Protein backbone atom coordinates (compact mmCIF):
# COMPACT_ATOMS: atom_id res chain seq x y z
CA MET A 1 42.43 -30.52 43.64
CA GLN A 2 41.62 -27.99 40.93
CA ASN A 3 41.12 -24.42 42.06
CA PRO A 4 37.35 -23.83 41.63
CA THR A 5 37.92 -20.17 40.71
CA ILE A 6 39.73 -21.19 37.51
CA ALA A 7 36.44 -22.27 35.90
CA ALA A 8 34.47 -19.22 37.07
CA ASP A 9 33.72 -18.24 33.45
CA LEU A 10 32.36 -21.68 32.52
CA PRO A 11 29.03 -20.97 30.73
CA ALA A 12 27.28 -23.99 32.25
CA LEU A 13 27.65 -22.44 35.69
CA ALA A 14 24.91 -20.01 34.69
CA ARG A 15 22.46 -22.94 34.76
CA LEU A 16 22.98 -23.46 38.48
CA ARG A 17 20.68 -21.92 41.07
CA HIS A 18 21.92 -18.54 42.28
CA ASP A 19 21.23 -19.42 45.90
CA VAL A 20 23.31 -22.60 45.58
CA LYS A 21 26.23 -20.66 44.12
CA GLY A 22 25.98 -18.28 47.06
CA MET A 23 26.11 -21.06 49.67
CA HIS A 24 29.11 -22.59 51.40
CA ALA A 25 29.64 -26.34 51.20
CA TYR A 26 29.70 -28.31 54.44
CA ALA A 27 33.33 -28.04 55.56
CA VAL A 28 35.35 -30.93 56.98
CA GLN A 29 38.58 -29.91 58.68
CA GLU A 30 41.89 -31.44 57.59
CA SER A 31 42.89 -33.81 60.39
CA ARG A 32 45.79 -35.94 59.15
CA GLY A 33 48.39 -36.43 61.85
CA MET A 34 46.24 -34.82 64.53
CA ILE A 35 44.24 -35.97 67.53
CA LYS A 36 40.79 -35.61 65.98
CA LEU A 37 38.30 -34.26 68.49
CA ASP A 38 36.17 -32.05 66.26
CA ALA A 39 33.37 -34.24 64.92
CA MET A 40 31.75 -36.06 67.90
CA GLU A 41 32.91 -39.47 66.69
CA ASN A 42 33.20 -42.48 68.96
CA PRO A 43 36.99 -42.69 69.49
CA HIS A 44 37.05 -46.43 70.17
CA ARG A 45 37.92 -48.96 67.49
CA LEU A 46 36.88 -52.59 67.46
CA SER A 47 39.19 -55.16 68.98
CA PRO A 48 41.37 -57.13 66.52
CA GLU A 49 39.11 -60.14 67.05
CA LEU A 50 35.95 -58.22 66.18
CA GLN A 51 37.70 -56.54 63.25
CA ALA A 52 38.53 -59.97 61.85
CA GLU A 53 34.99 -61.20 62.43
CA LEU A 54 33.47 -58.18 60.72
CA GLY A 55 35.93 -58.44 57.83
CA ALA A 56 34.98 -62.06 57.25
CA ARG A 57 31.29 -61.16 57.21
CA LEU A 58 31.76 -58.30 54.81
CA GLY A 59 33.72 -60.58 52.53
CA GLN A 60 30.66 -62.83 52.22
CA VAL A 61 28.29 -60.00 51.21
CA ALA A 62 26.92 -60.28 47.67
CA VAL A 63 28.08 -56.87 46.45
CA ASN A 64 27.08 -57.83 42.90
CA ARG A 65 23.43 -57.56 43.96
CA TYR A 66 21.31 -54.57 44.91
CA PRO A 67 20.35 -54.38 48.59
CA GLY A 68 17.41 -56.66 49.38
CA ALA A 69 16.08 -58.66 52.28
CA ARG A 70 19.08 -57.87 54.46
CA LEU A 71 17.76 -54.32 54.81
CA ASP A 72 14.48 -55.71 56.13
CA GLU A 73 16.50 -57.55 58.75
CA LEU A 74 18.30 -54.35 59.67
CA ARG A 75 15.00 -52.47 60.01
CA ALA A 76 13.71 -55.23 62.27
CA ALA A 77 16.88 -55.19 64.38
CA LEU A 78 16.78 -51.40 64.78
CA HIS A 79 13.08 -51.56 65.65
CA ALA A 80 13.81 -54.09 68.38
CA TYR A 81 16.74 -52.00 69.65
CA ALA A 82 14.86 -48.68 69.78
CA ALA A 83 11.55 -50.20 70.90
CA PRO A 84 9.08 -47.61 69.58
CA PRO A 85 5.40 -47.97 70.53
CA GLU A 86 3.05 -50.36 68.78
CA GLY A 87 1.99 -49.12 65.38
CA TRP A 88 5.25 -47.30 64.66
CA SER A 89 7.60 -48.26 61.85
CA LEU A 90 11.07 -47.31 60.72
CA MET A 91 12.73 -45.81 57.64
CA LEU A 92 16.43 -46.14 56.83
CA GLY A 93 18.68 -43.35 55.61
CA ASN A 94 22.24 -42.93 54.42
CA GLY A 95 23.00 -41.22 57.70
CA SER A 96 20.51 -38.93 59.41
CA ASP A 97 21.59 -36.12 57.05
CA GLU A 98 19.83 -37.82 54.15
CA LEU A 99 16.67 -38.26 56.20
CA ILE A 100 16.67 -34.55 57.11
CA GLY A 101 16.87 -33.73 53.42
CA LEU A 102 14.10 -36.19 52.55
CA LEU A 103 11.81 -34.67 55.17
CA ALA A 104 12.23 -31.25 53.54
CA LEU A 105 11.54 -32.80 50.14
CA ALA A 106 8.39 -34.55 51.34
CA CYS A 107 7.05 -31.34 52.93
CA ASP A 108 7.79 -29.06 49.97
CA VAL A 109 4.36 -27.51 49.41
CA PRO A 110 3.57 -23.80 48.95
CA GLY A 111 4.13 -21.92 52.19
CA ALA A 112 5.99 -24.75 53.90
CA GLY A 113 8.70 -23.91 56.41
CA ILE A 114 11.07 -25.40 58.95
CA LEU A 115 11.69 -24.04 62.45
CA ALA A 116 14.44 -24.95 64.91
CA PRO A 117 16.16 -23.55 67.98
CA GLU A 118 19.57 -21.97 67.38
CA PRO A 119 22.41 -22.57 67.65
CA GLY A 120 21.68 -26.06 66.41
CA PHE A 121 22.57 -28.60 63.75
CA VAL A 122 23.33 -26.76 60.51
CA MET A 123 21.60 -29.34 58.30
CA TYR A 124 18.13 -28.26 59.46
CA ALA A 125 18.56 -24.84 57.85
CA MET A 126 20.53 -26.17 54.88
CA SER A 127 17.89 -28.77 54.00
CA ALA A 128 15.18 -26.08 54.07
CA ARG A 129 17.12 -23.69 51.86
CA LEU A 130 18.13 -26.34 49.34
CA GLN A 131 14.52 -27.39 48.98
CA GLY A 132 13.21 -23.82 48.78
CA LEU A 133 11.38 -23.89 52.11
CA SER A 134 11.43 -20.97 54.51
CA TYR A 135 13.56 -21.39 57.60
CA THR A 136 13.10 -19.78 61.02
CA GLY A 137 15.74 -20.01 63.73
CA VAL A 138 14.68 -19.22 67.30
CA ALA A 139 17.52 -18.25 69.62
CA LEU A 140 18.09 -20.29 72.74
CA THR A 141 18.54 -18.59 76.10
CA PRO A 142 22.10 -17.52 77.05
CA ASP A 143 22.55 -20.81 78.95
CA PHE A 144 21.38 -22.78 75.86
CA GLU A 145 17.95 -23.73 77.15
CA LEU A 146 14.79 -23.54 75.05
CA ASP A 147 13.20 -20.10 74.98
CA GLU A 148 9.72 -21.54 75.34
CA PRO A 149 7.71 -18.31 74.89
CA ALA A 150 9.71 -17.44 71.75
CA MET A 151 9.28 -20.95 70.34
CA LEU A 152 5.52 -20.96 70.97
CA ASP A 153 5.18 -17.50 69.44
CA ALA A 154 7.15 -18.52 66.34
CA ILE A 155 5.06 -21.67 65.90
CA ALA A 156 1.84 -19.63 66.13
CA ARG A 157 3.09 -17.02 63.66
CA GLN A 158 5.01 -19.15 61.17
CA ARG A 159 2.93 -22.35 61.29
CA PRO A 160 5.96 -24.42 60.20
CA SER A 161 5.65 -27.81 58.58
CA ILE A 162 8.50 -29.18 60.71
CA VAL A 163 9.90 -28.21 64.11
CA TYR A 164 13.27 -29.80 64.93
CA LEU A 165 14.14 -30.44 68.56
CA ALA A 166 17.60 -31.96 69.02
CA TYR A 167 17.67 -33.96 72.25
CA PRO A 168 20.51 -33.47 73.29
CA ASN A 169 21.37 -30.40 71.24
CA ASN A 170 24.42 -29.82 69.06
CA PRO A 171 26.69 -27.91 69.74
CA SER A 172 25.65 -27.26 73.35
CA GLY A 173 24.97 -30.84 74.47
CA THR A 174 21.85 -29.61 76.28
CA LEU A 175 19.08 -32.04 77.26
CA TRP A 176 16.19 -29.60 77.38
CA ASP A 177 13.47 -29.28 80.00
CA GLU A 178 10.85 -31.99 79.55
CA GLY A 179 7.91 -29.68 80.27
CA ALA A 180 9.04 -27.14 77.67
CA MET A 181 9.56 -29.93 75.14
CA ALA A 182 6.07 -31.32 75.78
CA ARG A 183 4.39 -27.93 75.43
CA ILE A 184 6.22 -27.11 72.20
CA ILE A 185 5.37 -30.52 70.77
CA ALA A 186 1.70 -30.01 71.69
CA ALA A 187 1.61 -26.53 70.12
CA GLN A 188 3.11 -27.76 66.87
CA GLY A 189 0.64 -30.65 66.77
CA ALA A 190 -2.29 -28.30 67.41
CA GLN A 191 -1.45 -26.29 64.28
CA GLY A 192 -1.07 -29.43 62.18
CA GLY A 193 2.71 -29.74 61.79
CA PHE A 194 5.38 -32.35 62.45
CA VAL A 195 7.95 -32.44 65.22
CA VAL A 196 11.24 -34.24 64.63
CA VAL A 197 13.04 -35.15 67.85
CA ASP A 198 16.64 -35.66 66.78
CA GLU A 199 18.33 -38.11 69.14
CA ALA A 200 21.72 -38.38 67.45
CA TYR A 201 23.48 -38.33 70.83
CA GLN A 202 21.09 -40.67 72.62
CA PRO A 203 23.81 -43.20 73.66
CA PHE A 204 25.34 -40.59 75.98
CA ALA A 205 22.19 -38.98 77.43
CA ALA A 206 20.49 -39.60 80.74
CA ARG A 207 17.09 -39.95 79.08
CA SER A 208 15.42 -40.38 75.70
CA TRP A 209 12.24 -38.77 74.43
CA MET A 210 11.16 -42.21 73.27
CA ALA A 211 10.14 -42.90 76.89
CA SER A 212 7.65 -40.02 76.64
CA VAL A 213 6.42 -41.34 73.30
CA ARG A 214 5.81 -44.80 74.75
CA ALA A 215 4.03 -43.33 77.77
CA ALA A 216 1.63 -41.25 75.65
CA PRO A 217 1.62 -42.37 72.01
CA ALA A 218 -1.65 -40.57 71.26
CA ARG A 219 0.01 -37.21 72.01
CA HIS A 220 2.89 -38.05 69.67
CA ARG A 221 1.11 -39.03 66.48
CA HIS A 222 2.71 -36.05 64.71
CA VAL A 223 6.18 -36.78 66.16
CA LEU A 224 9.07 -38.46 64.37
CA VAL A 225 12.14 -39.65 66.26
CA LEU A 226 15.40 -39.45 64.32
CA ARG A 227 18.47 -41.44 65.31
CA THR A 228 21.81 -42.44 63.85
CA LEU A 229 24.36 -45.18 64.41
CA SER A 230 27.17 -42.65 63.89
CA LYS A 231 27.45 -41.81 67.60
CA PHE A 232 26.68 -45.42 68.49
CA GLY A 233 30.10 -46.13 67.04
CA ILE A 234 29.98 -46.70 63.27
CA ALA A 235 30.00 -43.20 61.80
CA GLY A 236 31.78 -44.49 58.70
CA ALA A 237 28.91 -46.84 57.88
CA ARG A 238 26.38 -43.96 57.46
CA ILE A 239 23.22 -45.45 58.93
CA GLY A 240 20.39 -43.21 60.10
CA TYR A 241 16.82 -44.17 60.92
CA LEU A 242 13.54 -42.34 61.35
CA MET A 243 10.67 -43.68 63.46
CA GLY A 244 7.01 -42.69 63.54
CA GLU A 245 3.46 -43.91 63.02
CA ALA A 246 3.47 -46.52 60.27
CA ALA A 247 1.04 -44.63 58.01
CA LEU A 248 3.15 -41.49 58.23
CA VAL A 249 6.45 -43.28 57.63
CA ALA A 250 4.94 -45.09 54.64
CA GLU A 251 4.21 -41.75 53.00
CA LEU A 252 7.66 -40.36 53.76
CA ASP A 253 9.28 -43.52 52.43
CA LYS A 254 7.98 -42.69 48.96
CA VAL A 255 10.65 -40.00 48.53
CA ARG A 256 13.50 -42.24 49.66
CA PRO A 257 15.84 -43.19 46.80
CA PRO A 258 15.85 -46.91 46.04
CA TYR A 259 18.82 -48.77 47.48
CA ASN A 260 19.93 -45.74 49.53
CA VAL A 261 21.71 -47.95 52.09
CA SER A 262 24.45 -50.22 50.82
CA VAL A 263 24.65 -53.90 51.70
CA LEU A 264 28.09 -53.35 53.25
CA ASN A 265 26.82 -50.57 55.50
CA ALA A 266 23.79 -52.64 56.45
CA GLU A 267 26.01 -55.58 57.37
CA CYS A 268 28.17 -53.30 59.53
CA ALA A 269 25.06 -52.06 61.30
CA LEU A 270 23.72 -55.56 61.93
CA PHE A 271 27.12 -56.58 63.27
CA ALA A 272 27.17 -53.57 65.61
CA LEU A 273 23.69 -54.30 66.95
CA GLU A 274 24.63 -57.93 67.55
CA HIS A 275 27.56 -56.63 69.64
CA ALA A 276 25.59 -53.85 71.32
CA SER A 277 27.17 -54.65 74.69
CA VAL A 278 30.60 -53.70 73.29
CA PHE A 279 29.30 -50.34 72.08
CA ASP A 280 27.39 -49.82 75.33
CA ALA A 281 30.69 -50.24 77.21
CA GLN A 282 32.32 -47.70 74.89
CA ALA A 283 29.51 -45.22 75.56
CA ALA A 284 29.90 -45.76 79.32
CA ASP A 285 33.61 -45.00 79.03
CA ILE A 286 32.85 -41.82 77.05
CA ARG A 287 30.39 -40.69 79.74
CA ALA A 288 33.02 -41.33 82.41
CA GLN A 289 35.63 -39.41 80.42
CA ARG A 290 33.14 -36.57 79.97
CA ALA A 291 32.86 -36.25 83.76
CA ARG A 292 36.64 -36.29 84.07
CA ILE A 293 36.97 -33.51 81.47
CA PHE A 294 34.38 -31.37 83.26
CA ALA A 295 36.33 -31.69 86.50
CA ALA A 296 39.56 -30.67 84.77
CA LEU A 297 37.96 -27.75 82.93
CA ALA A 298 36.67 -26.37 86.24
CA ARG A 299 40.29 -25.88 87.30
CA LEU A 300 41.26 -23.85 84.21
CA PRO A 301 41.06 -20.08 84.76
CA GLY A 302 38.77 -18.20 82.41
CA VAL A 303 37.12 -21.36 81.06
CA HIS A 304 33.38 -21.99 81.41
CA ALA A 305 32.04 -25.42 80.44
CA PHE A 306 28.32 -25.81 79.72
CA ALA A 307 26.49 -28.88 81.00
CA SER A 308 26.35 -31.65 78.40
CA GLU A 309 24.50 -34.92 77.91
CA ALA A 310 26.31 -35.67 74.64
CA ASN A 311 29.83 -36.82 73.71
CA MET A 312 30.95 -33.20 73.39
CA ILE A 313 31.47 -30.26 75.72
CA LEU A 314 30.92 -26.63 74.77
CA VAL A 315 33.39 -24.31 76.48
CA ARG A 316 33.72 -20.56 76.50
CA VAL A 317 37.30 -19.28 76.65
CA PRO A 318 38.76 -15.76 76.71
CA ASP A 319 39.88 -15.92 73.05
CA ALA A 320 38.49 -18.81 70.99
CA PRO A 321 40.50 -18.22 67.77
CA ARG A 322 43.73 -18.05 69.75
CA ALA A 323 42.92 -21.15 71.80
CA PHE A 324 41.85 -23.08 68.69
CA ALA A 325 45.03 -22.15 66.83
CA GLY A 326 47.18 -23.00 69.84
CA MET A 327 45.59 -26.41 70.24
CA ARG A 328 45.99 -27.10 66.53
CA GLU A 329 49.69 -26.20 66.71
CA ARG A 330 49.97 -28.76 69.50
CA GLY A 331 48.37 -31.46 67.36
CA VAL A 332 44.83 -31.40 68.78
CA LEU A 333 41.92 -30.57 66.48
CA VAL A 334 38.68 -29.31 68.04
CA LYS A 335 35.85 -27.21 66.58
CA ASN A 336 35.88 -23.43 66.72
CA VAL A 337 32.17 -22.57 66.75
CA SER A 338 32.65 -18.97 67.91
CA THR A 339 31.40 -17.42 64.65
CA MET A 340 28.43 -19.73 64.06
CA HIS A 341 25.96 -17.79 66.23
CA PRO A 342 26.13 -14.78 68.57
CA LEU A 343 25.41 -17.02 71.58
CA LEU A 344 28.57 -18.99 70.73
CA ALA A 345 30.97 -16.07 71.05
CA ASN A 346 34.43 -17.35 72.09
CA CYS A 347 33.19 -20.93 72.27
CA LEU A 348 34.98 -24.14 71.31
CA ARG A 349 33.33 -27.55 71.02
CA LEU A 350 35.41 -30.40 72.42
CA THR A 351 34.65 -33.99 71.45
CA VAL A 352 35.17 -36.52 74.24
CA GLY A 353 37.92 -38.92 73.18
CA THR A 354 39.89 -41.72 74.77
CA ALA A 355 41.63 -41.17 78.10
CA ASP A 356 44.97 -40.42 76.42
CA GLU A 357 43.37 -38.15 73.82
CA ASN A 358 41.54 -36.23 76.52
CA THR A 359 44.75 -35.74 78.49
CA ALA A 360 46.43 -34.31 75.39
CA MET A 361 43.40 -32.11 74.69
CA LEU A 362 43.33 -30.69 78.22
CA ASP A 363 47.08 -30.04 78.18
CA ALA A 364 46.81 -28.33 74.79
CA LEU A 365 43.91 -26.18 75.92
CA ALA A 366 45.64 -25.13 79.12
CA ALA A 367 48.77 -24.17 77.14
CA SER A 368 46.75 -22.25 74.55
CA LEU A 369 44.64 -20.01 76.75
């Protein structure tokens, strides 16, 4: 790859936004030859039989045509799977990242802003900044719970267009207090803004906010629920979906690029939903492995693991850079999040893998402390 500094004097670079040139691109760690436990992916692959079945189906897809009615079938299948309340509809995205960006685009009016608890998913802030919206991060408590008074105060002062509530949160895996969630959602609705409940890690959590939506749809008319099939088990297919009142989703859908989801990705998603029991079994195994990892971490001196309802575990170690480097030298790649936020000092984020991968991860961590 060409060194980007070589073209630093290229005149056309002057036409780029100064804030963009000052940003860092989203970084993906090199993982070839390593046990990859840094990106919260489902570690399980399809059986050879299902691989062959999916391959045959993909081979029949009319890739010479733009996506059409098959996307309507995918929307219907996702709607049936997620079961939102009556009157809600669904919008597809090329992963949930695209939908986060489209929400910022749709809300880009003078004075608009986005607010989210921190540490959280980096794309909330990035989407705001790329679109020219203000961004406000509200620190979580030291145990990664919502700071409800601070959130309510920030909503009253900033009057954001969008409040993001990840449920569970990334990178902490926290499933926040239901009462605090409800009061924050009500406060944001009272000042006329949206709430986006991001349920990327829903397959691994003990509960979903969709149950609260179904129980009281009138109190959630300003709420959008964001999900992805990445953690479901097909991260490579890049399918995200956003649910909300049909009239609201219809307006948001106007900023969606045409044909943003490919026919191949849609076919993968339909195949996965038709075999939901297979992916449900994978999620059950990941939850069981998560419990096993917690038990093992409790026996490691100097290691504190935070409670998680996701397919990742946030741990605080005596020296995160040293532990990260030691694990990498032993062929295990995790995520060093220790510099992302002051609350994450000396923290690593461990993705839950297969049984063998988790054994290797635990051995590498113990040897690297």
